[in-house]
């Protein structure tokens, strides 16, 4: 039995199947289990990485003692379903009788992969570290500037997508600017930071019931988040975001200058699924 991925699905599969008389190999590109719902806290410096991650072997120490579990840190680069082989980076392959693919999801830019360099998503610890560096770096860059007009794009943060991740990011970034950073800089006033949350549909948290969605929007606005719904993003570059809003038969186009854009608008399943 080969299990790809040590997220919640892969971990649960190991815990159940390790009780059976089968040999199990668990493969993941990292050697830790990650609690993704709290990644935004690492990205905004609210938590450290160890607070939301744990070594796989420690997490599965009970299952390891049963003697039928092997854990490999490797990248699965392909699956030959007919030959029942999993190909790993470095040229190694694993034969299997049964295969479970629990490789999770990745970012989807809806056909605009070029946006990724300007608007990173949040799925891994590396993503969180990069976003944190960009956010803190933006304030540091603003501190160096004396022209208020030049500072504004550095103190304007745009979060695209108002699902759970986007809502949490926008809210936490606003709290950080309003309550954590005001005494940290001399030249800039972090309370003047703008956090803009762009959403393509008409509601934040669209998967929730309307009452909860509206309550979430009210809380975001109360925090100071600039919530804009019905906004279709049409372009992202190093200097900001372009989007359009439909009003009846008319379409209005806008540009929002910003040096820090975060993508939380879409996900796609693992490409490994195409091999099955």
C-alpha atoms as a PDB file:
ATOM      1  CA  UNK A   1       0.000   0.000   0.000  1.00  0.00           C
ATOM      2  CA  UNK A   2       1.362   3.405  -1.022  1.00  0.00           C
ATOM      3  CA  UNK A   3      -0.192   6.588   0.359  1.00  0.00           C
ATOM      4  CA  UNK A   4       0.759   9.910  -1.213  1.00  0.00           C
ATOM      5  CA  UNK A   5       0.359  12.937   1.036  1.00  0.00           C
ATOM      6  CA  UNK A   6       0.470  13.448   4.795  1.00  0.00           C
ATOM      7  CA  UNK A   7      -2.402  15.878   5.163  1.00  0.00           C
ATOM      8  CA  UNK A   8      -5.491  14.999   7.148  1.00  0.00           C
ATOM      9  CA  UNK A   9      -6.593  12.403   4.577  1.00  0.00           C
ATOM     10  CA  UNK A  10      -3.244  10.645   4.374  1.00  0.00           C
ATOM     11  CA  UNK A  11      -2.722  10.646   8.135  1.00  0.00           C
ATOM     12  CA  UNK A  12      -6.173   9.190   8.781  1.00  0.00           C
ATOM     13  CA  UNK A  13      -5.630   6.497   6.141  1.00  0.00           C
ATOM     14  CA  UNK A  14      -2.366   5.465   7.806  1.00  0.00           C
ATOM     15  CA  UNK A  15      -3.948   5.333  11.248  1.00  0.00           C
ATOM     16  CA  UNK A  16      -6.713   3.033  10.069  1.00  0.00           C
ATOM     17  CA  UNK A  17      -4.752   0.810   7.676  1.00  0.00           C
ATOM     18  CA  UNK A  18      -1.725   0.332   9.946  1.00  0.00           C
ATOM     19  CA  UNK A  19      -3.927  -1.848  12.140  1.00  0.00           C
ATOM     20  CA  UNK A  20      -4.310  -4.308   9.236  1.00  0.00           C
ATOM     21  CA  UNK A  21      -1.702  -6.873   8.092  1.00  0.00           C
ATOM     22  CA  UNK A  22      -0.428  -4.713   5.204  1.00  0.00           C
ATOM     23  CA  UNK A  23       2.847  -2.967   4.407  1.00  0.00           C
ATOM     24  CA  UNK A  24       2.367   0.789   4.077  1.00  0.00           C
ATOM     25  CA  UNK A  25       4.643   3.398   2.522  1.00  0.00           C
ATOM     26  CA  UNK A  26       3.707   7.027   3.164  1.00  0.00           C
ATOM     27  CA  UNK A  27       5.291   9.544   0.784  1.00  0.00           C
ATOM     28  CA  UNK A  28       5.283  13.318   1.144  1.00  0.00           C
ATOM     29  CA  UNK A  29       7.455  16.139  -0.172  1.00  0.00           C
ATOM     30  CA  UNK A  30       7.911  17.466   3.378  1.00  0.00           C
ATOM     31  CA  UNK A  31       8.665  15.699   6.644  1.00  0.00           C
ATOM     32  CA  UNK A  32       5.959  17.463   8.638  1.00  0.00           C
ATOM     33  CA  UNK A  33       2.189  17.456   8.966  1.00  0.00           C
ATOM     34  CA  UNK A  34       0.751  20.948   8.527  1.00  0.00           C
ATOM     35  CA  UNK A  35      -2.414  22.455   9.996  1.00  0.00           C
ATOM     36  CA  UNK A  36      -3.278  24.601   6.985  1.00  0.00           C
ATOM     37  CA  UNK A  37      -6.211  26.543   8.520  1.00  0.00           C
ATOM     38  CA  UNK A  38      -3.729  28.522  10.646  1.00  0.00           C
ATOM     39  CA  UNK A  39      -1.214  29.322   7.908  1.00  0.00           C
ATOM     40  CA  UNK A  40      -2.493  32.886   7.781  1.00  0.00           C
ATOM     41  CA  UNK A  41      -1.271  33.330  11.368  1.00  0.00           C
ATOM     42  CA  UNK A  42       2.265  32.410  10.329  1.00  0.00           C
ATOM     43  CA  UNK A  43       2.004  34.693   7.296  1.00  0.00           C
ATOM     44  CA  UNK A  44       1.101  37.626   9.558  1.00  0.00           C
ATOM     45  CA  UNK A  45       3.662  36.787  12.269  1.00  0.00           C
ATOM     46  CA  UNK A  46       1.002  35.795  14.780  1.00  0.00           C
ATOM     47  CA  UNK A  47       2.322  32.244  15.175  1.00  0.00           C
ATOM     48  CA  UNK A  48       5.625  30.494  14.564  1.00  0.00           C
ATOM     49  CA  UNK A  49       5.889  27.571  12.172  1.00  0.00           C
ATOM     50  CA  UNK A  50       6.259  24.881  14.902  1.00  0.00           C
ATOM     51  CA  UNK A  51       2.915  25.972  16.354  1.00  0.00           C
ATOM     52  CA  UNK A  52       1.059  24.654  13.291  1.00  0.00           C
ATOM     53  CA  UNK A  53       3.309  21.816  12.118  1.00  0.00           C
ATOM     54  CA  UNK A  54       4.651  18.595  13.581  1.00  0.00           C
ATOM     55  CA  UNK A  55       7.130  15.973  12.331  1.00  0.00           C
ATOM     56  CA  UNK A  56       5.328  13.166  10.518  1.00  0.00           C
ATOM     57  CA  UNK A  57       7.180  10.463  12.412  1.00  0.00           C
ATOM     58  CA  UNK A  58       6.257  12.051  15.723  1.00  0.00           C
ATOM     59  CA  UNK A  59       2.622  12.419  14.672  1.00  0.00           C
ATOM     60  CA  UNK A  60       2.533   8.748  13.636  1.00  0.00           C
ATOM     61  CA  UNK A  61       4.764   7.356  16.392  1.00  0.00           C
ATOM     62  CA  UNK A  62       2.076   4.910  17.550  1.00  0.00           C
ATOM     63  CA  UNK A  63       1.606   3.595  14.015  1.00  0.00           C
ATOM     64  CA  UNK A  64       5.390   3.368  13.502  1.00  0.00           C
ATOM     65  CA  UNK A  65       5.648   1.019  16.489  1.00  0.00           C
ATOM     66  CA  UNK A  66       3.432  -1.507  14.694  1.00  0.00           C
ATOM     67  CA  UNK A  67       6.310  -2.224  12.316  1.00  0.00           C
ATOM     68  CA  UNK A  68       4.475  -2.037   8.983  1.00  0.00           C
ATOM     69  CA  UNK A  69       4.866   1.669   8.158  1.00  0.00           C
ATOM     70  CA  UNK A  70       7.667   3.294   6.141  1.00  0.00           C
ATOM     71  CA  UNK A  71       7.745   7.081   5.744  1.00  0.00           C
ATOM     72  CA  UNK A  72       9.651   8.644   2.847  1.00  0.00           C
ATOM     73  CA  UNK A  73      10.293  12.306   2.170  1.00  0.00           C
ATOM     74  CA  UNK A  74      10.151  12.506  -1.606  1.00  0.00           C
ATOM     75  CA  UNK A  75       8.372  14.236  -4.463  1.00  0.00           C
ATOM     76  CA  UNK A  76       5.964  12.060  -6.433  1.00  0.00           C
ATOM     77  CA  UNK A  77       6.479  13.091 -10.054  1.00  0.00           C
ATOM     78  CA  UNK A  78       4.279  10.532 -11.766  1.00  0.00           C
ATOM     79  CA  UNK A  79       2.016   7.525 -11.460  1.00  0.00           C
ATOM     80  CA  UNK A  80       1.853   4.569 -13.842  1.00  0.00           C
ATOM     81  CA  UNK A  81      -1.533   3.142 -12.948  1.00  0.00           C
ATOM     82  CA  UNK A  82      -1.240   0.290 -15.441  1.00  0.00           C
ATOM     83  CA  UNK A  83       2.140  -0.894 -14.151  1.00  0.00           C
ATOM     84  CA  UNK A  84       1.212   0.033 -10.565  1.00  0.00           C
ATOM     85  CA  UNK A  85       4.308   2.119  -9.974  1.00  0.00           C
ATOM     86  CA  UNK A  86       4.798   5.521  -8.362  1.00  0.00           C
ATOM     87  CA  UNK A  87       7.755   7.523  -9.693  1.00  0.00           C
ATOM     88  CA  UNK A  88       9.746   9.639  -7.241  1.00  0.00           C
ATOM     89  CA  UNK A  89      12.255  12.405  -7.768  1.00  0.00           C
ATOM     90  CA  UNK A  90      15.788  11.111  -8.044  1.00  0.00           C
ATOM     91  CA  UNK A  91      14.751   8.237 -10.301  1.00  0.00           C
ATOM     92  CA  UNK A  92      13.373   5.907  -7.640  1.00  0.00           C
ATOM     93  CA  UNK A  93      10.042   4.134  -8.083  1.00  0.00           C
ATOM     94  CA  UNK A  94       7.703   2.315  -5.725  1.00  0.00           C
ATOM     95  CA  UNK A  95       5.547  -0.653  -6.653  1.00  0.00           C
ATOM     96  CA  UNK A  96       2.126  -0.922  -5.075  1.00  0.00           C
ATOM     97  CA  UNK A  97      -0.861  -3.215  -4.902  1.00  0.00           C
ATOM     98  CA  UNK A  98      -3.151  -0.420  -3.756  1.00  0.00           C
ATOM     99  CA  UNK A  99      -2.673   3.339  -3.986  1.00  0.00           C
ATOM    100  CA  UNK A 100      -4.213   6.257  -2.102  1.00  0.00           C
ATOM    101  CA  UNK A 101      -3.567   9.750  -3.472  1.00  0.00           C
ATOM    102  CA  UNK A 102      -4.207  12.380  -0.810  1.00  0.00           C
ATOM    103  CA  UNK A 103      -1.944  15.056  -2.228  1.00  0.00           C
ATOM    104  CA  UNK A 104      -4.244  17.974  -1.464  1.00  0.00           C
ATOM    105  CA  UNK A 105      -4.789  21.049  -3.597  1.00  0.00           C
ATOM    106  CA  UNK A 106      -2.737  23.816  -5.142  1.00  0.00           C
ATOM    107  CA  UNK A 107      -3.396  27.370  -6.269  1.00  0.00           C
ATOM    108  CA  UNK A 108      -5.504  28.054  -9.352  1.00  0.00           C
ATOM    109  CA  UNK A 109      -5.111  31.342 -11.201  1.00  0.00           C
ATOM    110  CA  UNK A 110      -7.845  30.503 -13.690  1.00  0.00           C
ATOM    111  CA  UNK A 111      -5.568  30.372 -16.703  1.00  0.00           C
ATOM    112  CA  UNK A 112      -3.344  33.276 -15.629  1.00  0.00           C
ATOM    113  CA  UNK A 113      -0.389  31.505 -14.066  1.00  0.00           C
ATOM    114  CA  UNK A 114       1.737  34.590 -14.751  1.00  0.00           C
ATOM    115  CA  UNK A 115      -0.076  36.288 -11.873  1.00  0.00           C
ATOM    116  CA  UNK A 116       1.568  33.943  -9.370  1.00  0.00           C
ATOM    117  CA  UNK A 117       4.831  35.914  -9.244  1.00  0.00           C
ATOM    118  CA  UNK A 118       2.946  39.044  -8.182  1.00  0.00           C
ATOM    119  CA  UNK A 119       0.197  37.467  -6.048  1.00  0.00           C
ATOM    120  CA  UNK A 120       1.426  34.458  -4.057  1.00  0.00           C
ATOM    121  CA  UNK A 121      -1.050  32.029  -2.558  1.00  0.00           C
ATOM    122  CA  UNK A 122      -1.051  30.379   0.858  1.00  0.00           C
ATOM    123  CA  UNK A 123      -0.800  26.580   0.954  1.00  0.00           C
ATOM    124  CA  UNK A 124       2.562  25.762   2.541  1.00  0.00           C
ATOM    125  CA  UNK A 125       4.926  27.049   5.207  1.00  0.00           C
ATOM    126  CA  UNK A 126       7.191  28.360   2.451  1.00  0.00           C
ATOM    127  CA  UNK A 127       4.230  30.345   1.096  1.00  0.00           C
ATOM    128  CA  UNK A 128       3.578  31.763   4.562  1.00  0.00           C
ATOM    129  CA  UNK A 129       7.224  32.787   5.023  1.00  0.00           C
ATOM    130  CA  UNK A 130       7.294  34.505   1.629  1.00  0.00           C
ATOM    131  CA  UNK A 131       4.070  36.399   2.293  1.00  0.00           C
ATOM    132  CA  UNK A 132       5.275  37.465   5.739  1.00  0.00           C
ATOM    133  CA  UNK A 133       8.511  38.749   4.223  1.00  0.00           C
ATOM    134  CA  UNK A 134       6.563  40.712   1.604  1.00  0.00           C
ATOM    135  CA  UNK A 135       4.176  42.223   4.141  1.00  0.00           C
ATOM    136  CA  UNK A 136       6.853  43.270   6.638  1.00  0.00           C
ATOM    137  CA  UNK A 137       9.114  44.324   3.781  1.00  0.00           C
ATOM    138  CA  UNK A 138       6.408  46.641   2.451  1.00  0.00           C
ATOM    139  CA  UNK A 139       6.266  48.525   5.747  1.00  0.00           C
ATOM    140  CA  UNK A 140      10.056  48.722   5.829  1.00  0.00           C
ATOM    141  CA  UNK A 141      10.106  50.127   2.300  1.00  0.00           C
ATOM    142  CA  UNK A 142       7.441  52.697   3.204  1.00  0.00           C
ATOM    143  CA  UNK A 143       9.540  53.791   6.191  1.00  0.00           C
ATOM    144  CA  UNK A 144      12.370  54.672   3.800  1.00  0.00           C
ATOM    145  CA  UNK A 145      10.215  56.936   1.641  1.00  0.00           C
ATOM    146  CA  UNK A 146       9.420  60.572   2.377  1.00  0.00           C
ATOM    147  CA  UNK A 147       6.856  61.203  -0.367  1.00  0.00           C
ATOM    148  CA  UNK A 148       3.339  60.248   0.860  1.00  0.00           C
ATOM    149  CA  UNK A 149       2.227  59.447  -2.697  1.00  0.00           C
ATOM    150  CA  UNK A 150       5.152  57.064  -3.141  1.00  0.00           C
ATOM    151  CA  UNK A 151       4.390  55.423   0.197  1.00  0.00           C
ATOM    152  CA  UNK A 152       0.744  54.705  -0.545  1.00  0.00           C
ATOM    153  CA  UNK A 153       1.209  51.625  -2.798  1.00  0.00           C
ATOM    154  CA  UNK A 154       3.533  50.114  -0.188  1.00  0.00           C
ATOM    155  CA  UNK A 155       0.925  50.622   2.524  1.00  0.00           C
ATOM    156  CA  UNK A 156      -1.931  49.265   0.413  1.00  0.00           C
ATOM    157  CA  UNK A 157      -2.437  45.498   0.671  1.00  0.00           C
ATOM    158  CA  UNK A 158      -4.823  43.636  -1.617  1.00  0.00           C
ATOM    159  CA  UNK A 159      -6.250  40.201  -0.828  1.00  0.00           C
ATOM    160  CA  UNK A 160      -8.024  38.559  -3.769  1.00  0.00           C
ATOM    161  CA  UNK A 161     -10.741  36.100  -2.825  1.00  0.00           C
ATOM    162  CA  UNK A 162     -13.105  36.314   0.147  1.00  0.00           C
ATOM    163  CA  UNK A 163     -13.279  32.674   1.142  1.00  0.00           C
ATOM    164  CA  UNK A 164     -12.073  31.622   4.608  1.00  0.00           C
ATOM    165  CA  UNK A 165      -8.386  32.182   3.813  1.00  0.00           C
ATOM    166  CA  UNK A 166      -8.929  35.597   2.255  1.00  0.00           C
ATOM    167  CA  UNK A 167     -11.217  36.774   5.039  1.00  0.00           C
ATOM    168  CA  UNK A 168      -8.781  35.614   7.726  1.00  0.00           C
ATOM    169  CA  UNK A 169      -5.798  37.190   5.968  1.00  0.00           C
ATOM    170  CA  UNK A 170      -7.512  40.535   5.420  1.00  0.00           C
ATOM    171  CA  UNK A 171      -8.801  40.704   8.978  1.00  0.00           C
ATOM    172  CA  UNK A 172      -5.524  39.711  10.599  1.00  0.00           C
ATOM    173  CA  UNK A 173      -3.446  42.063   8.444  1.00  0.00           C
ATOM    174  CA  UNK A 174      -5.734  44.926   9.438  1.00  0.00           C
ATOM    175  CA  UNK A 175      -5.443  44.041  13.126  1.00  0.00           C
ATOM    176  CA  UNK A 176      -1.662  43.911  12.779  1.00  0.00           C
ATOM    177  CA  UNK A 177      -1.554  47.349  11.156  1.00  0.00           C
ATOM    178  CA  UNK A 178      -3.988  48.889  13.634  1.00  0.00           C
ATOM    179  CA  UNK A 179      -2.830  47.339  16.900  1.00  0.00           C
ATOM    180  CA  UNK A 180       0.602  45.688  16.583  1.00  0.00           C
ATOM    181  CA  UNK A 181       2.708  48.023  14.450  1.00  0.00           C
ATOM    182  CA  UNK A 182       1.727  51.610  15.408  1.00  0.00           C
ATOM    183  CA  UNK A 183       4.700  52.051  17.776  1.00  0.00           C
ATOM    184  CA  UNK A 184       7.213  50.180  15.622  1.00  0.00           C
ATOM    185  CA  UNK A 185       8.014  52.882  13.050  1.00  0.00           C
ATOM    186  CA  UNK A 186       8.980  56.545  13.279  1.00  0.00           C
ATOM    187  CA  UNK A 187       8.131  57.952   9.854  1.00  0.00           C
ATOM    188  CA  UNK A 188       5.006  56.032   8.929  1.00  0.00           C
ATOM    189  CA  UNK A 189       1.720  55.594  10.742  1.00  0.00           C
ATOM    190  CA  UNK A 190       0.669  51.981  10.260  1.00  0.00           C
ATOM    191  CA  UNK A 191      -2.924  52.836  11.192  1.00  0.00           C
ATOM    192  CA  UNK A 192      -3.162  54.515   7.775  1.00  0.00           C
ATOM    193  CA  UNK A 193      -2.651  51.143   6.098  1.00  0.00           C
ATOM    194  CA  UNK A 194      -5.305  50.100   3.580  1.00  0.00           C
ATOM    195  CA  UNK A 195      -6.297  46.447   3.326  1.00  0.00           C
ATOM    196  CA  UNK A 196      -8.596  45.812   0.370  1.00  0.00           C
ATOM    197  CA  UNK A 197     -10.473  42.516   0.020  1.00  0.00           C
ATOM    198  CA  UNK A 198     -11.622  41.832  -3.562  1.00  0.00           C
ATOM    199  CA  UNK A 199     -14.281  39.186  -4.245  1.00  0.00           C
ATOM    200  CA  UNK A 200     -15.787  38.202  -7.580  1.00  0.00           C
ATOM    201  CA  UNK A 201     -19.179  37.187  -6.218  1.00  0.00           C
ATOM    202  CA  UNK A 202     -21.609  39.376  -4.331  1.00  0.00           C
ATOM    203  CA  UNK A 203     -20.850  37.934  -0.872  1.00  0.00           C
ATOM    204  CA  UNK A 204     -17.860  37.185   1.296  1.00  0.00           C
ATOM    205  CA  UNK A 205     -17.716  33.577   2.513  1.00  0.00           C
ATOM    206  CA  UNK A 206     -20.075  32.572  -0.281  1.00  0.00           C
ATOM    207  CA  UNK A 207     -20.206  28.943   0.867  1.00  0.00           C
ATOM    208  CA  UNK A 208     -21.755  30.017   4.159  1.00  0.00           C
ATOM    209  CA  UNK A 209     -25.401  30.843   4.763  1.00  0.00           C
ATOM    210  CA  UNK A 210     -26.245  34.482   3.909  1.00  0.00           C
ATOM    211  CA  UNK A 211     -26.706  35.497   7.541  1.00  0.00           C
ATOM    212  CA  UNK A 212     -23.184  34.413   8.493  1.00  0.00           C
ATOM    213  CA  UNK A 213     -21.772  35.917   5.317  1.00  0.00           C
ATOM    214  CA  UNK A 214     -23.306  39.297   6.081  1.00  0.00           C
ATOM    215  CA  UNK A 215     -22.129  39.155   9.692  1.00  0.00           C
ATOM    216  CA  UNK A 216     -18.584  38.420   8.537  1.00  0.00           C
ATOM    217  CA  UNK A 217     -18.679  41.375   6.167  1.00  0.00           C
ATOM    218  CA  UNK A 218     -19.887  43.669   8.927  1.00  0.00           C
ATOM    219  CA  UNK A 219     -17.063  42.534  11.204  1.00  0.00           C
ATOM    220  CA  UNK A 220     -14.462  43.061   8.481  1.00  0.00           C
ATOM    221  CA  UNK A 221     -15.711  46.568   7.790  1.00  0.00           C
ATOM    222  CA  UNK A 222     -15.706  47.298  11.520  1.00  0.00           C
ATOM    223  CA  UNK A 223     -12.057  46.223  11.687  1.00  0.00           C
ATOM    224  CA  UNK A 224     -11.239  48.610   8.861  1.00  0.00           C
ATOM    225  CA  UNK A 225     -11.055  46.261   5.865  1.00  0.00           C
ATOM    226  CA  UNK A 226     -12.146  47.782   2.544  1.00  0.00           C
ATOM    227  CA  UNK A 227     -14.468  45.022   1.296  1.00  0.00           C
ATOM    228  CA  UNK A 228     -15.317  45.124  -2.413  1.00  0.00           C
ATOM    229  CA  UNK A 229     -17.582  42.450  -3.882  1.00  0.00           C
ATOM    230  CA  UNK A 230     -18.695  41.874  -7.473  1.00  0.00           C
ATOM    231  CA  UNK A 231     -15.138  42.585  -8.636  1.00  0.00           C
ATOM    232  CA  UNK A 232     -13.655  40.495 -11.442  1.00  0.00           C
ATOM    233  CA  UNK A 233      -9.861  40.661 -11.448  1.00  0.00           C
ATOM    234  CA  UNK A 234      -8.509  41.137 -14.974  1.00  0.00           C
ATOM    235  CA  UNK A 235      -4.844  41.802 -14.353  1.00  0.00           C
ATOM    236  CA  UNK A 236      -2.112  41.673 -11.723  1.00  0.00           C
ATOM    237  CA  UNK A 237       1.379  43.104 -12.037  1.00  0.00           C
ATOM    238  CA  UNK A 238       4.164  44.348  -9.792  1.00  0.00           C
ATOM    239  CA  UNK A 239       2.407  47.670  -9.268  1.00  0.00           C
ATOM    240  CA  UNK A 240      -1.169  46.651  -8.554  1.00  0.00           C
ATOM    241  CA  UNK A 241      -4.418  45.011  -9.579  1.00  0.00           C
ATOM    242  CA  UNK A 242      -6.886  45.705 -12.368  1.00  0.00           C
ATOM    243  CA  UNK A 243     -10.504  44.692 -11.967  1.00  0.00           C
ATOM    244  CA  UNK A 244     -13.912  45.373 -13.423  1.00  0.00           C
ATOM    245  CA  UNK A 245     -17.372  45.771 -11.944  1.00  0.00           C
ATOM    246  CA  UNK A 246     -20.578  45.192 -13.880  1.00  0.00           C
ATOM    247  CA  UNK A 247     -23.358  47.690 -13.291  1.00  0.00           C
ATOM    248  CA  UNK A 248     -26.367  46.678 -15.367  1.00  0.00           C
ATOM    249  CA  UNK A 249     -25.203  46.542 -18.984  1.00  0.00           C
ATOM    250  CA  UNK A 250     -22.166  48.685 -18.271  1.00  0.00           C
ATOM    251  CA  UNK A 251     -18.739  47.475 -17.166  1.00  0.00           C
ATOM    252  CA  UNK A 252     -16.525  49.817 -15.185  1.00  0.00           C
ATOM    253  CA  UNK A 253     -12.800  49.175 -14.985  1.00  0.00           C
ATOM    254  CA  UNK A 254     -10.530  50.130 -12.117  1.00  0.00           C
ATOM    255  CA  UNK A 255      -6.875  49.949 -11.159  1.00  0.00           C
ATOM    256  CA  UNK A 256      -5.768  49.573  -7.559  1.00  0.00           C
ATOM    257  CA  UNK A 257      -2.100  50.480  -6.962  1.00  0.00           C
ATOM    258  CA  UNK A 258      -0.461  48.066  -4.518  1.00  0.00           C
ATOM    259  CA  UNK A 259       2.949  46.528  -4.019  1.00  0.00           C
ATOM    260  CA  UNK A 260       1.621  43.587  -1.994  1.00  0.00           C
ATOM    261  CA  UNK A 261      -1.087  41.340  -3.432  1.00  0.00           C
ATOM    262  CA  UNK A 262      -2.127  37.999  -1.930  1.00  0.00           C
ATOM    263  CA  UNK A 263      -4.070  35.365  -3.857  1.00  0.00           C
ATOM    264  CA  UNK A 264      -6.853  33.461  -2.075  1.00  0.00           C
ATOM    265  CA  UNK A 265      -9.309  33.150  -4.943  1.00  0.00           C
ATOM    266  CA  UNK A 266      -9.081  29.604  -6.208  1.00  0.00           C
ATOM    267  CA  UNK A 267      -7.689  26.118  -5.776  1.00  0.00           C
ATOM    268  CA  UNK A 268      -7.130  23.146  -8.058  1.00  0.00           C
ATOM    269  CA  UNK A 269      -6.683  19.478  -7.286  1.00  0.00           C
ATOM    270  CA  UNK A 270      -3.303  17.812  -7.463  1.00  0.00           C
ATOM    271  CA  UNK A 271      -2.094  17.091 -10.982  1.00  0.00           C
ATOM    272  CA  UNK A 272      -1.423  13.505  -9.845  1.00  0.00           C
ATOM    273  CA  UNK A 273      -5.139  12.844 -10.133  1.00  0.00           C
ATOM    274  CA  UNK A 274      -4.877  13.024 -13.921  1.00  0.00           C
ATOM    275  CA  UNK A 275      -2.790   9.840 -13.928  1.00  0.00           C
ATOM    276  CA  UNK A 276      -5.475   7.747 -12.275  1.00  0.00           C
END
